[in-house]
Amino acid sequence: MKQLLVSLFCITGALLSAPLHALEVWHSNTVWAGQGQCAAVFSFDSDLQDVSELRLSVSGLNPAGETILSGELEIDQFGQSSADRYAEAYLEGEALCGSDLVIQVEQATALLNGKPTDLLTTDTLRVLDFKPLKIQL
């Protein structure tokens, strides 16, 4: 019985110290934006938590690891209900037209349920490895 109580205490402590919700991000699309530019669409899942003032500073890295693009992804507010659980942000630039670009998140902050949060240091931001469905006709 004592061992069971110790195990339950350890599990409860681990659950309380870990983030209860993670904000997910994934690259969902890239479209031609005209004038030699492309726009990458980034989708976010709030996991039904109130997200405000979401700001991600990102860099685009070429295969050699060199920064060839920098920008900001910003969303004012989403996640207050299941109707606005998801949101999108856009990044535009010529470098986004290439298929070998890697996006590096340099900084990520938001108000989560009204609390200022550094999403990187709290391990609250997760990257979803999105795989699009194949469409056949």
N, C-alpha and C. Protein backbone atom coordinates (compact mmCIF):
# COMPACT_ATOMS: atom_id res chain seq x y z
N MET A 1 0.82 -1.19 0.00
CA MET A 1 0.00 0.00 0.00
C MET A 1 0.87 1.26 0.00
N LYS A 2 1.93 1.22 0.82
CA LYS A 2 2.81 2.38 0.90
C LYS A 2 3.48 2.63 -0.46
N GLN A 3 3.88 1.57 -1.14
CA GLN A 3 4.52 1.72 -2.45
C GLN A 3 3.53 2.30 -3.47
N LEU A 4 2.28 1.92 -3.38
CA LEU A 4 1.25 2.45 -4.27
C LEU A 4 1.06 3.94 -4.04
N LEU A 5 1.02 4.37 -2.79
CA LEU A 5 0.87 5.79 -2.47
C LEU A 5 2.07 6.60 -2.97
N VAL A 6 3.27 6.07 -2.82
CA VAL A 6 4.47 6.75 -3.30
C VAL A 6 4.41 6.88 -4.82
N SER A 7 3.99 5.82 -5.50
CA SER A 7 3.87 5.85 -6.97
C SER A 7 2.85 6.88 -7.41
N LEU A 8 1.70 6.91 -6.74
CA LEU A 8 0.67 7.90 -7.08
C LEU A 8 1.17 9.32 -6.84
N PHE A 9 1.90 9.53 -5.76
CA PHE A 9 2.46 10.85 -5.46
C PHE A 9 3.44 11.28 -6.55
N CYS A 10 4.29 10.37 -7.00
CA CYS A 10 5.27 10.69 -8.06
C CYS A 10 4.58 11.00 -9.38
N ILE A 11 3.56 10.23 -9.72
CA ILE A 11 2.83 10.46 -10.96
C ILE A 11 2.10 11.80 -10.91
N THR A 12 1.46 12.08 -9.78
CA THR A 12 0.75 13.36 -9.62
C THR A 12 1.72 14.52 -9.72
N GLY A 13 2.89 14.41 -9.09
CA GLY A 13 3.88 15.48 -9.17
C GLY A 13 4.37 15.71 -10.58
N ALA A 14 4.57 14.63 -11.31
CA ALA A 14 5.02 14.75 -12.71
C ALA A 14 3.95 15.41 -13.56
N LEU A 15 2.70 15.05 -13.34
CA LEU A 15 1.62 15.65 -14.11
C LEU A 15 1.46 17.13 -13.81
N LEU A 16 1.62 17.51 -12.56
CA LEU A 16 1.46 18.91 -12.19
C LEU A 16 2.62 19.77 -12.67
N SER A 17 3.81 19.20 -12.80
CA SER A 17 4.94 19.99 -13.25
C SER A 17 5.01 20.11 -14.77
N ALA A 18 4.38 19.20 -15.48
CA ALA A 18 4.40 19.25 -16.95
C ALA A 18 3.32 20.21 -17.45
N PRO A 19 3.53 20.80 -18.63
CA PRO A 19 2.48 21.64 -19.18
C PRO A 19 1.22 20.83 -19.42
N LEU A 20 0.08 21.37 -19.03
CA LEU A 20 -1.16 20.65 -19.20
C LEU A 20 -1.63 20.66 -20.65
N HIS A 21 -1.34 21.73 -21.36
CA HIS A 21 -1.76 21.86 -22.74
C HIS A 21 -0.58 22.29 -23.59
N ALA A 22 -0.54 21.80 -24.78
CA ALA A 22 0.49 22.24 -25.71
C ALA A 22 -0.18 22.95 -26.88
N LEU A 23 0.43 23.99 -27.32
CA LEU A 23 0.00 24.70 -28.51
C LEU A 23 0.73 24.05 -29.68
N GLU A 24 0.00 23.60 -30.69
CA GLU A 24 0.62 22.92 -31.83
C GLU A 24 0.69 23.83 -33.04
N VAL A 25 1.76 23.67 -33.81
CA VAL A 25 1.94 24.43 -35.04
C VAL A 25 2.40 23.47 -36.13
N TRP A 26 1.94 23.73 -37.36
CA TRP A 26 2.42 22.96 -38.50
C TRP A 26 2.30 23.79 -39.76
N HIS A 27 3.16 23.46 -40.73
CA HIS A 27 3.12 24.10 -42.04
C HIS A 27 2.04 23.38 -42.83
N SER A 28 0.95 24.08 -43.14
CA SER A 28 -0.20 23.43 -43.77
C SER A 28 -0.31 23.67 -45.27
N ASN A 29 0.39 24.69 -45.80
CA ASN A 29 0.27 24.96 -47.23
C ASN A 29 1.29 26.02 -47.63
N THR A 30 1.64 26.03 -48.90
CA THR A 30 2.41 27.12 -49.49
C THR A 30 1.74 27.48 -50.80
N VAL A 31 1.49 28.76 -50.99
CA VAL A 31 0.79 29.22 -52.20
C VAL A 31 1.60 30.30 -52.88
N TRP A 32 1.41 30.42 -54.19
CA TRP A 32 2.03 31.48 -54.98
C TRP A 32 1.38 32.79 -54.59
N ALA A 33 2.17 33.79 -54.24
CA ALA A 33 1.64 35.08 -53.80
C ALA A 33 1.84 36.17 -54.84
N GLY A 34 2.40 35.83 -56.02
CA GLY A 34 2.61 36.81 -57.06
C GLY A 34 3.91 37.56 -56.89
N GLN A 35 4.36 38.21 -57.95
CA GLN A 35 5.57 39.02 -57.93
C GLN A 35 6.79 38.24 -57.45
N GLY A 36 6.86 36.94 -57.77
CA GLY A 36 8.00 36.12 -57.37
C GLY A 36 8.01 35.72 -55.92
N GLN A 37 6.91 35.91 -55.24
CA GLN A 37 6.81 35.61 -53.81
C GLN A 37 5.91 34.40 -53.58
N CYS A 38 6.16 33.70 -52.49
CA CYS A 38 5.27 32.64 -52.03
C CYS A 38 4.85 32.95 -50.61
N ALA A 39 3.73 32.39 -50.20
CA ALA A 39 3.24 32.56 -48.82
C ALA A 39 3.08 31.18 -48.20
N ALA A 40 3.73 30.98 -47.08
CA ALA A 40 3.60 29.74 -46.33
C ALA A 40 2.51 29.95 -45.28
N VAL A 41 1.62 28.98 -45.20
CA VAL A 41 0.52 29.02 -44.24
C VAL A 41 0.90 28.13 -43.06
N PHE A 42 0.85 28.70 -41.86
CA PHE A 42 1.12 27.95 -40.65
C PHE A 42 -0.17 27.86 -39.84
N SER A 43 -0.56 26.66 -39.49
CA SER A 43 -1.79 26.43 -38.73
C SER A 43 -1.43 26.18 -37.27
N PHE A 44 -2.32 26.63 -36.40
CA PHE A 44 -2.13 26.50 -34.95
C PHE A 44 -3.36 25.86 -34.33
N ASP A 45 -3.14 24.97 -33.38
CA ASP A 45 -4.21 24.34 -32.59
C ASP A 45 -4.02 24.78 -31.15
N SER A 46 -5.02 25.46 -30.60
CA SER A 46 -4.94 26.00 -29.24
C SER A 46 -5.18 24.95 -28.16
N ASP A 47 -5.68 23.77 -28.55
CA ASP A 47 -6.08 22.74 -27.59
C ASP A 47 -7.12 23.30 -26.61
N LEU A 48 -7.95 24.18 -27.14
CA LEU A 48 -9.07 24.80 -26.40
C LEU A 48 -8.62 25.65 -25.21
N GLN A 49 -7.43 26.21 -25.29
CA GLN A 49 -7.05 27.20 -24.29
C GLN A 49 -7.06 28.58 -24.94
N ASP A 50 -7.30 29.58 -24.15
CA ASP A 50 -7.38 30.96 -24.62
C ASP A 50 -5.97 31.44 -24.96
N VAL A 51 -5.71 31.70 -26.24
CA VAL A 51 -4.40 32.16 -26.71
C VAL A 51 -4.55 33.59 -27.22
N SER A 52 -3.75 34.49 -26.68
CA SER A 52 -3.75 35.89 -27.12
C SER A 52 -2.32 36.31 -27.39
N GLU A 53 -2.17 37.30 -28.27
CA GLU A 53 -0.88 37.92 -28.55
C GLU A 53 0.20 36.89 -28.89
N LEU A 54 -0.15 35.91 -29.71
CA LEU A 54 0.82 34.90 -30.15
C LEU A 54 1.82 35.54 -31.10
N ARG A 55 3.10 35.41 -30.79
CA ARG A 55 4.17 35.97 -31.63
C ARG A 55 5.28 34.95 -31.76
N LEU A 56 5.59 34.57 -32.99
CA LEU A 56 6.71 33.68 -33.27
C LEU A 56 7.69 34.41 -34.18
N SER A 57 8.92 34.51 -33.78
CA SER A 57 9.99 35.02 -34.63
C SER A 57 10.64 33.80 -35.28
N VAL A 58 10.68 33.81 -36.61
CA VAL A 58 11.17 32.64 -37.33
C VAL A 58 12.26 33.03 -38.32
N SER A 59 13.10 32.06 -38.64
CA SER A 59 14.11 32.21 -39.68
C SER A 59 13.94 31.07 -40.66
N GLY A 60 14.24 31.36 -41.93
CA GLY A 60 14.26 30.32 -42.95
C GLY A 60 15.70 29.97 -43.24
N LEU A 61 16.05 28.69 -43.11
CA LEU A 61 17.41 28.24 -43.30
C LEU A 61 17.53 27.44 -44.59
N ASN A 62 18.58 27.70 -45.37
CA ASN A 62 18.83 26.91 -46.56
C ASN A 62 19.52 25.61 -46.15
N PRO A 63 19.78 24.69 -47.09
CA PRO A 63 20.42 23.41 -46.72
C PRO A 63 21.79 23.57 -46.06
N ALA A 64 22.48 24.67 -46.29
CA ALA A 64 23.77 24.91 -45.64
C ALA A 64 23.62 25.49 -44.23
N GLY A 65 22.36 25.71 -43.79
CA GLY A 65 22.11 26.25 -42.45
C GLY A 65 22.19 27.76 -42.37
N GLU A 66 22.27 28.42 -43.52
CA GLU A 66 22.35 29.89 -43.56
C GLU A 66 20.95 30.49 -43.52
N THR A 67 20.80 31.58 -42.79
CA THR A 67 19.53 32.28 -42.72
C THR A 67 19.32 33.06 -44.02
N ILE A 68 18.24 32.74 -44.73
CA ILE A 68 17.94 33.46 -45.97
C ILE A 68 16.58 34.15 -45.91
N LEU A 69 15.91 34.04 -44.76
CA LEU A 69 14.59 34.65 -44.58
C LEU A 69 14.36 34.82 -43.08
N SER A 70 13.74 35.90 -42.70
CA SER A 70 13.31 36.05 -41.31
C SER A 70 11.95 36.74 -41.32
N GLY A 71 11.18 36.47 -40.30
CA GLY A 71 9.86 37.07 -40.24
C GLY A 71 9.16 36.77 -38.93
N GLU A 72 7.92 37.24 -38.85
CA GLU A 72 7.10 37.09 -37.65
C GLU A 72 5.78 36.42 -38.02
N LEU A 73 5.35 35.50 -37.20
CA LEU A 73 4.01 34.94 -37.29
C LEU A 73 3.24 35.51 -36.10
N GLU A 74 2.10 36.13 -36.38
CA GLU A 74 1.35 36.79 -35.32
C GLU A 74 -0.13 36.46 -35.43
N ILE A 75 -0.74 36.18 -34.29
CA ILE A 75 -2.18 35.97 -34.21
C ILE A 75 -2.65 36.69 -32.95
N ASP A 76 -3.64 37.55 -33.10
CA ASP A 76 -4.12 38.33 -31.95
C ASP A 76 -4.81 37.49 -30.89
N GLN A 77 -5.75 36.62 -31.32
CA GLN A 77 -6.50 35.85 -30.33
C GLN A 77 -7.20 34.68 -31.00
N PHE A 78 -7.20 33.52 -30.33
CA PHE A 78 -7.97 32.35 -30.77
C PHE A 78 -8.03 31.36 -29.62
N GLY A 79 -8.86 30.34 -29.78
CA GLY A 79 -8.94 29.27 -28.80
C GLY A 79 -9.92 29.47 -27.67
N GLN A 80 -10.77 30.49 -27.75
CA GLN A 80 -11.72 30.74 -26.66
C GLN A 80 -12.87 29.73 -26.65
N SER A 81 -13.08 29.04 -27.78
CA SER A 81 -14.12 28.03 -27.86
C SER A 81 -13.75 27.04 -28.96
N SER A 82 -14.53 25.98 -29.09
CA SER A 82 -14.25 25.01 -30.15
C SER A 82 -14.44 25.62 -31.53
N ALA A 83 -15.23 26.68 -31.64
CA ALA A 83 -15.45 27.34 -32.93
C ALA A 83 -14.21 28.06 -33.43
N ASP A 84 -13.33 28.50 -32.53
CA ASP A 84 -12.10 29.18 -32.96
C ASP A 84 -10.86 28.52 -32.35
N ARG A 85 -10.92 27.20 -32.24
CA ARG A 85 -9.80 26.43 -31.71
C ARG A 85 -8.55 26.58 -32.58
N TYR A 86 -8.74 26.70 -33.89
CA TYR A 86 -7.63 26.75 -34.84
C TYR A 86 -7.47 28.16 -35.42
N ALA A 87 -6.24 28.49 -35.80
CA ALA A 87 -5.96 29.78 -36.44
C ALA A 87 -4.79 29.59 -37.40
N GLU A 88 -4.65 30.56 -38.31
CA GLU A 88 -3.57 30.51 -39.29
C GLU A 88 -2.79 31.81 -39.29
N ALA A 89 -1.51 31.70 -39.61
CA ALA A 89 -0.63 32.86 -39.79
C ALA A 89 0.18 32.62 -41.06
N TYR A 90 0.59 33.71 -41.70
CA TYR A 90 1.25 33.62 -43.00
C TYR A 90 2.64 34.24 -42.94
N LEU A 91 3.54 33.65 -43.70
CA LEU A 91 4.89 34.17 -43.87
C LEU A 91 5.13 34.25 -45.37
N GLU A 92 5.56 35.42 -45.83
CA GLU A 92 5.76 35.62 -47.27
C GLU A 92 7.22 35.89 -47.58
N GLY A 93 7.62 35.44 -48.77
CA GLY A 93 8.97 35.72 -49.23
C GLY A 93 9.34 34.85 -50.41
N GLU A 94 10.31 35.31 -51.16
CA GLU A 94 10.78 34.57 -52.33
C GLU A 94 11.37 33.22 -51.93
N ALA A 95 12.09 33.18 -50.81
CA ALA A 95 12.74 31.95 -50.37
C ALA A 95 11.74 30.84 -50.06
N LEU A 96 10.49 31.20 -49.77
CA LEU A 96 9.48 30.20 -49.43
C LEU A 96 9.02 29.40 -50.65
N CYS A 97 9.39 29.85 -51.85
CA CYS A 97 9.03 29.11 -53.06
C CYS A 97 9.88 27.86 -53.23
N GLY A 98 11.01 27.77 -52.55
CA GLY A 98 11.86 26.58 -52.62
C GLY A 98 11.34 25.47 -51.73
N SER A 99 11.69 24.25 -52.07
CA SER A 99 11.18 23.11 -51.30
C SER A 99 12.15 22.62 -50.23
N ASP A 100 13.35 23.22 -50.15
CA ASP A 100 14.35 22.72 -49.21
C ASP A 100 14.59 23.68 -48.04
N LEU A 101 13.67 24.56 -47.80
CA LEU A 101 13.79 25.53 -46.71
C LEU A 101 13.37 24.90 -45.39
N VAL A 102 14.09 25.20 -44.33
CA VAL A 102 13.74 24.76 -42.98
C VAL A 102 13.39 25.99 -42.17
N ILE A 103 12.25 25.95 -41.49
CA ILE A 103 11.82 27.07 -40.64
C ILE A 103 12.29 26.80 -39.21
N GLN A 104 13.05 27.76 -38.68
CA GLN A 104 13.55 27.68 -37.31
C GLN A 104 12.81 28.70 -36.47
N VAL A 105 12.17 28.26 -35.39
CA VAL A 105 11.49 29.19 -34.47
C VAL A 105 12.54 29.71 -33.50
N GLU A 106 12.78 31.01 -33.55
CA GLU A 106 13.79 31.64 -32.71
C GLU A 106 13.22 32.08 -31.37
N GLN A 107 12.02 32.66 -31.39
CA GLN A 107 11.33 33.10 -30.17
C GLN A 107 9.84 32.83 -30.35
N ALA A 108 9.17 32.52 -29.26
CA ALA A 108 7.74 32.27 -29.30
C ALA A 108 7.12 32.66 -27.97
N THR A 109 6.19 33.61 -28.01
CA THR A 109 5.53 34.07 -26.79
C THR A 109 4.03 34.18 -27.04
N ALA A 110 3.27 34.13 -25.97
CA ALA A 110 1.82 34.31 -26.04
C ALA A 110 1.29 34.51 -24.62
N LEU A 111 0.06 35.00 -24.57
CA LEU A 111 -0.70 34.96 -23.32
C LEU A 111 -1.54 33.69 -23.38
N LEU A 112 -1.28 32.75 -22.50
CA LEU A 112 -2.07 31.51 -22.43
C LEU A 112 -2.98 31.61 -21.23
N ASN A 113 -4.27 31.64 -21.50
CA ASN A 113 -5.27 31.82 -20.45
C ASN A 113 -4.94 33.05 -19.60
N GLY A 114 -4.46 34.12 -20.28
CA GLY A 114 -4.15 35.39 -19.63
C GLY A 114 -2.77 35.48 -19.01
N LYS A 115 -1.99 34.40 -19.04
CA LYS A 115 -0.68 34.38 -18.40
C LYS A 115 0.42 34.51 -19.46
N PRO A 116 1.32 35.51 -19.34
CA PRO A 116 2.44 35.62 -20.29
C PRO A 116 3.30 34.36 -20.25
N THR A 117 3.57 33.81 -21.43
CA THR A 117 4.28 32.53 -21.50
C THR A 117 5.33 32.56 -22.60
N ASP A 118 6.55 32.16 -22.28
CA ASP A 118 7.57 31.90 -23.28
C ASP A 118 7.36 30.45 -23.71
N LEU A 119 6.87 30.27 -24.91
CA LEU A 119 6.46 28.94 -25.37
C LEU A 119 7.63 27.99 -25.56
N LEU A 120 8.83 28.52 -25.77
CA LEU A 120 10.00 27.66 -25.96
C LEU A 120 10.58 27.18 -24.64
N THR A 121 10.76 28.09 -23.69
CA THR A 121 11.37 27.69 -22.42
C THR A 121 10.42 26.83 -21.59
N THR A 122 9.12 26.98 -21.78
CA THR A 122 8.16 26.16 -21.03
C THR A 122 7.78 24.89 -21.79
N ASP A 123 8.37 24.69 -22.97
CA ASP A 123 8.10 23.51 -23.79
C ASP A 123 6.60 23.36 -24.08
N THR A 124 5.95 24.50 -24.33
CA THR A 124 4.51 24.52 -24.58
C THR A 124 4.18 24.51 -26.06
N LEU A 125 5.14 24.82 -26.91
CA LEU A 125 4.91 24.80 -28.35
C LEU A 125 5.41 23.48 -28.92
N ARG A 126 4.53 22.82 -29.67
CA ARG A 126 4.87 21.54 -30.29
C ARG A 126 4.70 21.65 -31.79
N VAL A 127 5.59 21.02 -32.53
CA VAL A 127 5.51 20.99 -33.98
C VAL A 127 4.81 19.69 -34.38
N LEU A 128 3.74 19.83 -35.13
CA LEU A 128 3.00 18.68 -35.64
C LEU A 128 3.59 18.34 -37.01
N ASP A 129 4.00 17.11 -37.19
CA ASP A 129 4.57 16.67 -38.46
C ASP A 129 3.40 16.33 -39.40
N PHE A 130 2.92 17.36 -40.07
CA PHE A 130 1.73 17.25 -40.92
C PHE A 130 2.05 16.49 -42.19
N LYS A 131 1.23 15.50 -42.52
CA LYS A 131 1.34 14.76 -43.76
C LYS A 131 0.02 14.92 -44.52
N PRO A 132 0.06 15.64 -45.66
CA PRO A 132 -1.18 15.83 -46.40
C PRO A 132 -1.69 14.52 -46.98
N LEU A 133 -3.00 14.45 -47.12
CA LEU A 133 -3.61 13.27 -47.73
C LEU A 133 -3.41 13.32 -49.24
N LYS A 134 -3.22 12.17 -49.85
CA LYS A 134 -3.16 12.09 -51.29
C LYS A 134 -4.58 12.13 -51.83
N ILE A 135 -4.74 12.85 -52.91
CA ILE A 135 -6.07 12.98 -53.54
C ILE A 135 -5.99 12.32 -54.91
N GLN A 136 -6.93 11.45 -55.17
CA GLN A 136 -6.99 10.78 -56.47
C GLN A 136 -8.28 11.14 -57.16
N LEU A 137 -8.21 11.21 -58.48
CA LEU A 137 -9.42 11.45 -59.30
C LEU A 137 -9.68 10.25 -60.17
